N, C-alpha and C. Protein backbone atom coordinates (compact mmCIF):
# COMPACT_ATOMS: atom_id res chain seq x y z
N MET A 1 0.84 -1.19 0.00
CA MET A 1 0.00 0.00 0.00
C MET A 1 0.88 1.24 0.00
N ALA A 2 0.41 2.23 -0.71
CA ALA A 2 1.14 3.49 -0.79
C ALA A 2 0.88 4.32 0.48
N THR A 3 1.74 5.28 0.68
CA THR A 3 1.62 6.11 1.90
C THR A 3 0.35 6.94 1.90
N TRP A 4 -0.10 7.41 0.74
CA TRP A 4 -1.30 8.23 0.71
C TRP A 4 -2.53 7.40 1.07
N GLN A 5 -2.51 6.09 0.75
CA GLN A 5 -3.62 5.23 1.11
C GLN A 5 -3.66 4.99 2.62
N ILE A 6 -2.50 4.87 3.23
CA ILE A 6 -2.43 4.69 4.68
C ILE A 6 -2.92 5.94 5.40
N VAL A 7 -2.48 7.10 4.91
CA VAL A 7 -2.92 8.37 5.50
C VAL A 7 -4.43 8.51 5.37
N LEU A 8 -4.98 8.18 4.22
CA LEU A 8 -6.43 8.26 4.00
C LEU A 8 -7.18 7.31 4.92
N LEU A 9 -6.65 6.11 5.12
CA LEU A 9 -7.27 5.13 6.00
C LEU A 9 -7.26 5.61 7.46
N VAL A 10 -6.17 6.20 7.90
CA VAL A 10 -6.07 6.72 9.26
C VAL A 10 -7.05 7.88 9.47
N ILE A 11 -7.14 8.78 8.50
CA ILE A 11 -8.07 9.91 8.59
C ILE A 11 -9.51 9.40 8.67
N ALA A 12 -9.86 8.40 7.86
CA ALA A 12 -11.21 7.84 7.89
C ALA A 12 -11.51 7.20 9.24
N ALA A 13 -10.53 6.50 9.81
CA ALA A 13 -10.74 5.87 11.11
C ALA A 13 -10.94 6.91 12.20
N VAL A 14 -10.16 7.99 12.18
CA VAL A 14 -10.29 9.05 13.17
C VAL A 14 -11.65 9.73 13.05
N MET A 15 -12.09 9.97 11.83
CA MET A 15 -13.40 10.60 11.63
C MET A 15 -14.54 9.69 12.10
N LEU A 16 -14.41 8.39 11.87
CA LEU A 16 -15.43 7.45 12.33
C LEU A 16 -15.51 7.43 13.86
N ILE A 17 -14.38 7.45 14.52
CA ILE A 17 -14.35 7.48 15.99
C ILE A 17 -14.96 8.79 16.50
N ALA A 18 -14.67 9.90 15.83
CA ALA A 18 -15.22 11.20 16.25
C ALA A 18 -16.74 11.22 16.10
N VAL A 19 -17.27 10.67 15.03
CA VAL A 19 -18.73 10.64 14.81
C VAL A 19 -19.40 9.78 15.88
N ILE A 20 -18.81 8.66 16.21
CA ILE A 20 -19.39 7.78 17.24
C ILE A 20 -19.37 8.49 18.60
N ALA A 21 -18.27 9.15 18.93
CA ALA A 21 -18.17 9.87 20.20
C ALA A 21 -19.20 11.00 20.27
N LEU A 22 -19.36 11.75 19.18
CA LEU A 22 -20.34 12.84 19.15
C LEU A 22 -21.77 12.32 19.30
N TYR A 23 -22.04 11.15 18.76
CA TYR A 23 -23.37 10.55 18.88
C TYR A 23 -23.72 10.31 20.35
N PHE A 24 -22.79 9.68 21.07
CA PHE A 24 -23.06 9.37 22.48
C PHE A 24 -23.09 10.62 23.35
N VAL A 25 -22.25 11.60 23.08
CA VAL A 25 -22.26 12.86 23.83
C VAL A 25 -23.56 13.61 23.58
N GLY A 26 -24.03 13.63 22.35
CA GLY A 26 -25.30 14.28 22.01
C GLY A 26 -26.48 13.61 22.67
N LYS A 27 -26.45 12.30 22.72
CA LYS A 27 -27.53 11.56 23.35
C LYS A 27 -27.60 11.88 24.85
N LYS A 28 -26.44 11.97 25.49
CA LYS A 28 -26.37 12.28 26.91
C LYS A 28 -26.85 13.72 27.17
N ALA A 29 -26.46 14.65 26.30
CA ALA A 29 -26.88 16.05 26.45
C ALA A 29 -28.39 16.19 26.24
N GLN A 30 -28.96 15.44 25.32
CA GLN A 30 -30.40 15.47 25.08
C GLN A 30 -31.16 14.99 26.30
N LYS A 31 -30.67 13.93 26.93
CA LYS A 31 -31.31 13.39 28.13
C LYS A 31 -31.25 14.42 29.27
N ARG A 32 -30.11 15.09 29.43
CA ARG A 32 -29.95 16.10 30.46
C ARG A 32 -30.89 17.28 30.22
N LYS A 33 -31.06 17.68 28.96
CA LYS A 33 -31.96 18.80 28.63
C LYS A 33 -33.41 18.44 28.94
N GLU A 34 -33.81 17.22 28.64
CA GLU A 34 -35.18 16.80 28.94
C GLU A 34 -35.45 16.83 30.44
N GLU A 35 -34.46 16.43 31.26
CA GLU A 35 -34.62 16.47 32.71
C GLU A 35 -34.74 17.92 33.19
N GLN A 36 -33.96 18.82 32.62
CA GLN A 36 -34.03 20.23 33.00
C GLN A 36 -35.38 20.83 32.60
N ASP A 37 -35.89 20.46 31.42
CA ASP A 37 -37.20 20.96 30.98
C ASP A 37 -38.31 20.50 31.92
N GLU A 38 -38.20 19.27 32.42
CA GLU A 38 -39.20 18.77 33.37
C GLU A 38 -39.15 19.58 34.68
N GLN A 39 -37.94 19.89 35.15
CA GLN A 39 -37.80 20.68 36.38
C GLN A 39 -38.35 22.09 36.20
N ILE A 40 -38.10 22.69 35.04
CA ILE A 40 -38.61 24.03 34.76
C ILE A 40 -40.13 24.02 34.70
N ALA A 41 -40.70 23.00 34.06
CA ALA A 41 -42.16 22.91 33.96
C ALA A 41 -42.80 22.69 35.33
N ALA A 42 -42.12 21.96 36.20
CA ALA A 42 -42.68 21.69 37.53
C ALA A 42 -42.71 22.95 38.39
N SER A 43 -41.74 23.83 38.23
CA SER A 43 -41.67 25.02 39.09
C SER A 43 -42.18 26.28 38.40
N SER A 44 -42.87 26.14 37.29
CA SER A 44 -43.33 27.33 36.55
C SER A 44 -44.66 27.84 37.09
N GLN A 45 -44.89 29.14 36.91
CA GLN A 45 -46.14 29.77 37.30
C GLN A 45 -46.49 30.86 36.28
N THR A 46 -47.76 31.17 36.16
CA THR A 46 -48.22 32.18 35.21
C THR A 46 -48.33 33.52 35.92
N ILE A 47 -47.71 34.54 35.34
CA ILE A 47 -47.67 35.87 35.95
C ILE A 47 -48.08 36.90 34.89
N SER A 48 -48.84 37.90 35.32
CA SER A 48 -49.19 39.01 34.45
C SER A 48 -48.10 40.07 34.56
N MET A 49 -47.59 40.54 33.42
CA MET A 49 -46.51 41.53 33.44
C MET A 49 -46.60 42.46 32.24
N LEU A 50 -46.03 43.65 32.41
CA LEU A 50 -45.94 44.64 31.34
C LEU A 50 -44.51 44.60 30.81
N ILE A 51 -44.35 44.25 29.54
CA ILE A 51 -43.02 44.16 28.94
C ILE A 51 -42.55 45.58 28.62
N ILE A 52 -41.45 45.98 29.20
CA ILE A 52 -40.90 47.32 28.97
C ILE A 52 -39.93 47.32 27.79
N ASP A 53 -39.00 46.37 27.80
CA ASP A 53 -37.96 46.35 26.77
C ASP A 53 -37.43 44.93 26.63
N LYS A 54 -36.91 44.62 25.46
CA LYS A 54 -36.25 43.34 25.25
C LYS A 54 -35.04 43.55 24.36
N LYS A 55 -33.95 42.88 24.71
CA LYS A 55 -32.69 43.00 23.96
C LYS A 55 -31.92 41.71 24.06
N ARG A 56 -31.00 41.53 23.13
CA ARG A 56 -30.01 40.46 23.25
C ARG A 56 -28.74 41.10 23.76
N MET A 57 -28.32 40.68 24.96
CA MET A 57 -27.12 41.26 25.56
C MET A 57 -26.41 40.24 26.43
N ARG A 58 -25.18 40.58 26.81
CA ARG A 58 -24.40 39.72 27.68
C ARG A 58 -25.00 39.73 29.08
N LEU A 59 -24.82 38.63 29.80
CA LEU A 59 -25.40 38.52 31.14
C LEU A 59 -24.84 39.56 32.10
N LYS A 60 -23.54 39.85 31.99
CA LYS A 60 -22.95 40.82 32.92
C LYS A 60 -23.45 42.24 32.67
N ASP A 61 -23.90 42.53 31.45
CA ASP A 61 -24.43 43.85 31.11
C ASP A 61 -25.93 43.97 31.38
N ALA A 62 -26.60 42.84 31.66
CA ALA A 62 -28.06 42.83 31.78
C ALA A 62 -28.57 43.32 33.12
N GLY A 63 -27.73 43.36 34.13
CA GLY A 63 -28.17 43.80 35.44
C GLY A 63 -28.85 42.70 36.24
N LEU A 64 -28.48 41.47 35.99
CA LEU A 64 -29.02 40.34 36.75
C LEU A 64 -28.32 40.26 38.11
N PRO A 65 -28.93 39.61 39.08
CA PRO A 65 -28.30 39.49 40.40
C PRO A 65 -26.95 38.76 40.33
N ALA A 66 -26.08 39.07 41.29
CA ALA A 66 -24.74 38.48 41.31
C ALA A 66 -24.78 36.96 41.47
N ALA A 67 -25.79 36.45 42.16
CA ALA A 67 -25.92 35.00 42.35
C ALA A 67 -26.16 34.29 41.01
N VAL A 68 -26.91 34.94 40.14
CA VAL A 68 -27.17 34.34 38.82
C VAL A 68 -25.88 34.30 38.00
N LEU A 69 -25.11 35.38 38.04
CA LEU A 69 -23.85 35.42 37.30
C LEU A 69 -22.86 34.40 37.84
N ALA A 70 -22.85 34.18 39.14
CA ALA A 70 -21.92 33.22 39.73
C ALA A 70 -22.26 31.79 39.34
N GLN A 71 -23.53 31.50 39.11
CA GLN A 71 -23.95 30.13 38.79
C GLN A 71 -23.84 29.79 37.31
N THR A 72 -23.77 30.78 36.45
CA THR A 72 -23.71 30.49 35.02
C THR A 72 -22.31 30.04 34.61
N PRO A 73 -22.21 29.13 33.67
CA PRO A 73 -20.90 28.70 33.17
C PRO A 73 -20.18 29.86 32.49
N LYS A 74 -18.85 29.82 32.50
CA LYS A 74 -18.05 30.92 31.95
C LYS A 74 -18.29 31.13 30.46
N MET A 75 -18.57 30.07 29.74
CA MET A 75 -18.83 30.19 28.30
C MET A 75 -20.11 30.99 28.04
N LEU A 76 -21.12 30.79 28.88
CA LEU A 76 -22.40 31.49 28.68
C LEU A 76 -22.33 32.96 29.08
N ARG A 77 -21.41 33.33 29.96
CA ARG A 77 -21.32 34.72 30.39
C ARG A 77 -20.94 35.64 29.24
N ARG A 78 -20.17 35.15 28.30
CA ARG A 78 -19.72 35.98 27.18
C ARG A 78 -20.71 36.00 26.02
N SER A 79 -21.58 35.00 25.93
CA SER A 79 -22.52 34.96 24.81
C SER A 79 -23.71 35.87 25.08
N LYS A 80 -24.32 36.33 24.01
CA LYS A 80 -25.49 37.21 24.14
C LYS A 80 -26.74 36.35 24.33
N MET A 81 -27.57 36.77 25.29
CA MET A 81 -28.78 36.03 25.60
C MET A 81 -29.99 36.97 25.49
N PRO A 82 -31.18 36.43 25.22
CA PRO A 82 -32.37 37.27 25.16
C PRO A 82 -32.79 37.70 26.56
N ILE A 83 -32.75 39.00 26.81
CA ILE A 83 -33.08 39.58 28.11
C ILE A 83 -34.33 40.43 27.97
N VAL A 84 -35.26 40.32 28.93
CA VAL A 84 -36.51 41.07 28.91
C VAL A 84 -36.61 41.85 30.21
N LYS A 85 -36.87 43.16 30.10
CA LYS A 85 -37.17 43.99 31.27
C LYS A 85 -38.68 44.12 31.33
N ALA A 86 -39.26 43.75 32.47
CA ALA A 86 -40.71 43.75 32.61
C ALA A 86 -41.11 44.27 33.98
N LYS A 87 -42.29 44.86 34.03
CA LYS A 87 -42.84 45.34 35.30
C LYS A 87 -43.81 44.27 35.80
N VAL A 88 -43.42 43.63 36.90
CA VAL A 88 -44.24 42.58 37.50
C VAL A 88 -44.77 43.15 38.82
N GLY A 89 -46.05 43.50 38.83
CA GLY A 89 -46.60 44.18 40.00
C GLY A 89 -45.97 45.56 40.10
N PRO A 90 -45.49 45.95 41.28
CA PRO A 90 -44.84 47.27 41.40
C PRO A 90 -43.35 47.25 41.08
N LYS A 91 -42.78 46.05 40.83
CA LYS A 91 -41.34 45.89 40.63
C LYS A 91 -40.96 45.79 39.16
N VAL A 92 -39.85 46.42 38.80
CA VAL A 92 -39.28 46.23 37.47
C VAL A 92 -38.21 45.15 37.59
N MET A 93 -38.37 44.08 36.81
CA MET A 93 -37.46 42.94 36.91
C MET A 93 -36.76 42.70 35.59
N THR A 94 -35.56 42.14 35.66
CA THR A 94 -34.83 41.70 34.49
C THR A 94 -34.94 40.18 34.44
N LEU A 95 -35.45 39.67 33.33
CA LEU A 95 -35.69 38.24 33.18
C LEU A 95 -34.95 37.71 31.96
N ILE A 96 -34.61 36.43 31.99
CA ILE A 96 -34.00 35.77 30.84
C ILE A 96 -35.13 35.07 30.09
N CYS A 97 -35.13 35.19 28.78
CA CYS A 97 -36.21 34.64 27.97
C CYS A 97 -35.72 33.42 27.20
N ASP A 98 -36.64 32.51 26.91
CA ASP A 98 -36.33 31.38 26.06
C ASP A 98 -36.13 31.88 24.64
N ALA A 99 -35.09 31.43 23.98
CA ALA A 99 -34.75 31.93 22.64
C ALA A 99 -35.85 31.63 21.62
N GLN A 100 -36.60 30.55 21.82
CA GLN A 100 -37.63 30.17 20.86
C GLN A 100 -38.83 31.11 20.88
N ILE A 101 -39.12 31.72 22.02
CA ILE A 101 -40.30 32.60 22.10
C ILE A 101 -39.92 34.07 22.14
N TYR A 102 -38.65 34.39 22.05
CA TYR A 102 -38.17 35.77 22.16
C TYR A 102 -38.82 36.67 21.12
N ASP A 103 -38.94 36.21 19.89
CA ASP A 103 -39.50 37.04 18.82
C ASP A 103 -41.01 37.27 18.98
N SER A 104 -41.68 36.38 19.69
CA SER A 104 -43.13 36.53 19.83
C SER A 104 -43.52 37.41 21.01
N ILE A 105 -42.57 37.90 21.77
CA ILE A 105 -42.89 38.77 22.91
C ILE A 105 -43.07 40.20 22.41
N PRO A 106 -44.24 40.79 22.63
CA PRO A 106 -44.45 42.18 22.21
C PRO A 106 -43.92 43.15 23.27
N THR A 107 -43.37 44.27 22.84
CA THR A 107 -42.91 45.28 23.79
C THR A 107 -44.04 46.27 24.04
N LYS A 108 -44.00 46.92 25.19
CA LYS A 108 -44.97 47.94 25.60
C LYS A 108 -46.40 47.38 25.67
N LYS A 109 -46.53 46.09 25.98
CA LYS A 109 -47.85 45.47 26.11
C LYS A 109 -47.87 44.61 27.36
N GLU A 110 -49.08 44.43 27.87
CA GLU A 110 -49.25 43.56 29.03
C GLU A 110 -49.53 42.15 28.55
N VAL A 111 -48.81 41.18 29.12
CA VAL A 111 -48.95 39.79 28.71
C VAL A 111 -49.01 38.89 29.94
N LYS A 112 -49.48 37.68 29.73
CA LYS A 112 -49.39 36.65 30.76
C LYS A 112 -48.24 35.75 30.35
N ALA A 113 -47.26 35.63 31.22
CA ALA A 113 -46.06 34.86 30.90
C ALA A 113 -45.93 33.69 31.85
N VAL A 114 -45.46 32.57 31.32
CA VAL A 114 -45.15 31.41 32.14
C VAL A 114 -43.69 31.56 32.56
N VAL A 115 -43.47 31.73 33.88
CA VAL A 115 -42.14 32.05 34.40
C VAL A 115 -41.71 30.97 35.39
N SER A 116 -40.44 30.59 35.29
CA SER A 116 -39.84 29.67 36.24
C SER A 116 -38.60 30.35 36.80
N GLY A 117 -38.70 30.95 37.97
CA GLY A 117 -37.59 31.71 38.54
C GLY A 117 -37.40 33.01 37.78
N LEU A 118 -36.25 33.16 37.13
CA LEU A 118 -35.97 34.34 36.28
C LEU A 118 -36.06 34.00 34.80
N TYR A 119 -36.67 32.87 34.46
CA TYR A 119 -36.67 32.37 33.09
C TYR A 119 -38.08 32.34 32.53
N ILE A 120 -38.32 33.07 31.44
CA ILE A 120 -39.63 33.10 30.78
C ILE A 120 -39.69 31.96 29.78
N THR A 121 -40.67 31.08 29.92
CA THR A 121 -40.77 29.93 29.02
C THR A 121 -41.95 30.02 28.06
N GLY A 122 -42.92 30.89 28.33
CA GLY A 122 -44.07 31.01 27.44
C GLY A 122 -44.77 32.34 27.62
N VAL A 123 -45.47 32.80 26.57
CA VAL A 123 -46.15 34.09 26.61
C VAL A 123 -47.51 33.96 25.94
N LYS A 124 -48.53 34.55 26.58
CA LYS A 124 -49.87 34.64 25.99
C LYS A 124 -50.30 36.09 26.08
N GLY A 125 -51.02 36.58 25.08
CA GLY A 125 -51.50 37.96 25.11
C GLY A 125 -52.61 38.12 26.14
N LEU A 126 -52.56 39.19 26.92
CA LEU A 126 -53.58 39.43 27.94
C LEU A 126 -54.77 40.16 27.34
N ARG A 127 -54.48 41.21 26.58
CA ARG A 127 -55.54 41.97 25.93
C ARG A 127 -55.33 41.89 24.42
N GLY A 128 -56.26 41.32 23.73
CA GLY A 128 -56.15 41.23 22.27
C GLY A 128 -55.18 40.14 21.85
N SER A 129 -54.74 40.24 20.61
CA SER A 129 -53.85 39.22 20.06
C SER A 129 -52.41 39.49 20.47
N ASN A 130 -51.61 38.47 20.37
CA ASN A 130 -50.21 38.55 20.74
C ASN A 130 -49.36 38.58 19.47
N GLU A 131 -49.42 39.69 18.76
CA GLU A 131 -48.67 39.82 17.52
C GLU A 131 -47.32 40.46 17.80
N PRO A 132 -46.24 39.86 17.30
CA PRO A 132 -44.93 40.47 17.53
C PRO A 132 -44.78 41.75 16.73
N ALA A 133 -43.88 42.60 17.17
CA ALA A 133 -43.61 43.85 16.46
C ALA A 133 -43.04 43.53 15.08
N PRO A 134 -43.34 44.34 14.07
CA PRO A 134 -42.80 44.05 12.75
C PRO A 134 -41.27 44.15 12.76
N LYS A 135 -40.66 43.26 12.00
CA LYS A 135 -39.20 43.24 11.96
C LYS A 135 -38.67 44.43 11.17
N LYS A 136 -37.52 44.92 11.59
CA LYS A 136 -36.89 46.00 10.86
C LYS A 136 -36.33 45.46 9.56
N LYS A 137 -36.43 46.26 8.52
CA LYS A 137 -35.85 45.85 7.25
C LYS A 137 -34.35 46.11 7.28
N LYS A 138 -33.61 45.24 6.66
CA LYS A 138 -32.18 45.44 6.58
C LYS A 138 -31.88 46.58 5.61
N PHE A 139 -30.66 47.05 5.63
CA PHE A 139 -30.29 48.24 4.88
C PHE A 139 -30.60 48.11 3.39
N TRP A 140 -30.15 47.03 2.76
CA TRP A 140 -30.35 46.88 1.31
C TRP A 140 -31.78 46.50 0.97
N ALA A 141 -32.49 45.86 1.88
CA ALA A 141 -33.88 45.46 1.62
C ALA A 141 -34.79 46.67 1.50
N ARG A 142 -34.46 47.76 2.17
CA ARG A 142 -35.28 48.99 2.07
C ARG A 142 -35.27 49.54 0.66
N PHE A 143 -34.16 49.45 -0.02
CA PHE A 143 -34.02 50.01 -1.37
C PHE A 143 -34.58 49.10 -2.44
N LYS A 144 -34.59 47.79 -2.20
CA LYS A 144 -35.05 46.84 -3.21
C LYS A 144 -36.55 46.91 -3.46
N LYS A 145 -37.37 47.07 -2.43
CA LYS A 145 -38.82 47.02 -2.57
C LYS A 145 -39.48 48.35 -2.89
N GLU A 146 -38.74 49.44 -2.92
CA GLU A 146 -39.34 50.76 -3.10
C GLU A 146 -39.82 51.03 -4.51
N LYS A 147 -39.46 50.25 -5.49
CA LYS A 147 -39.82 50.51 -6.89
C LYS A 147 -41.24 50.19 -7.19
């Protein structure tokens, strides 16, 4: 066998081992996520709140309590997360939102939200429909449709 065939065979074997390892790691992560979702659903409650503002920002810039920052993994502290500022009763609170429902949260409206601790997992409109705000057009898209 030529050297290039041996190199190709070794690369194929390494890739096969990597795919198998990723399969088992992914399966384990999926199981862990399902357990976390069950815990969140068990401790969730429905709260009426007025959404003041929503942004994607880093956790350290969001104004969350120090205990929350201490518990988050270091990798997540640097990534941008969906943050919602809402008035719950007489208090203005900073909450973390689920990325899947972030776009459906209307600003400057009162909603009923399913909350588990500081984490918003679901939103229903309190008065009228729950239509998200229209998306901003990108720079070049504004010029394309004007004709």
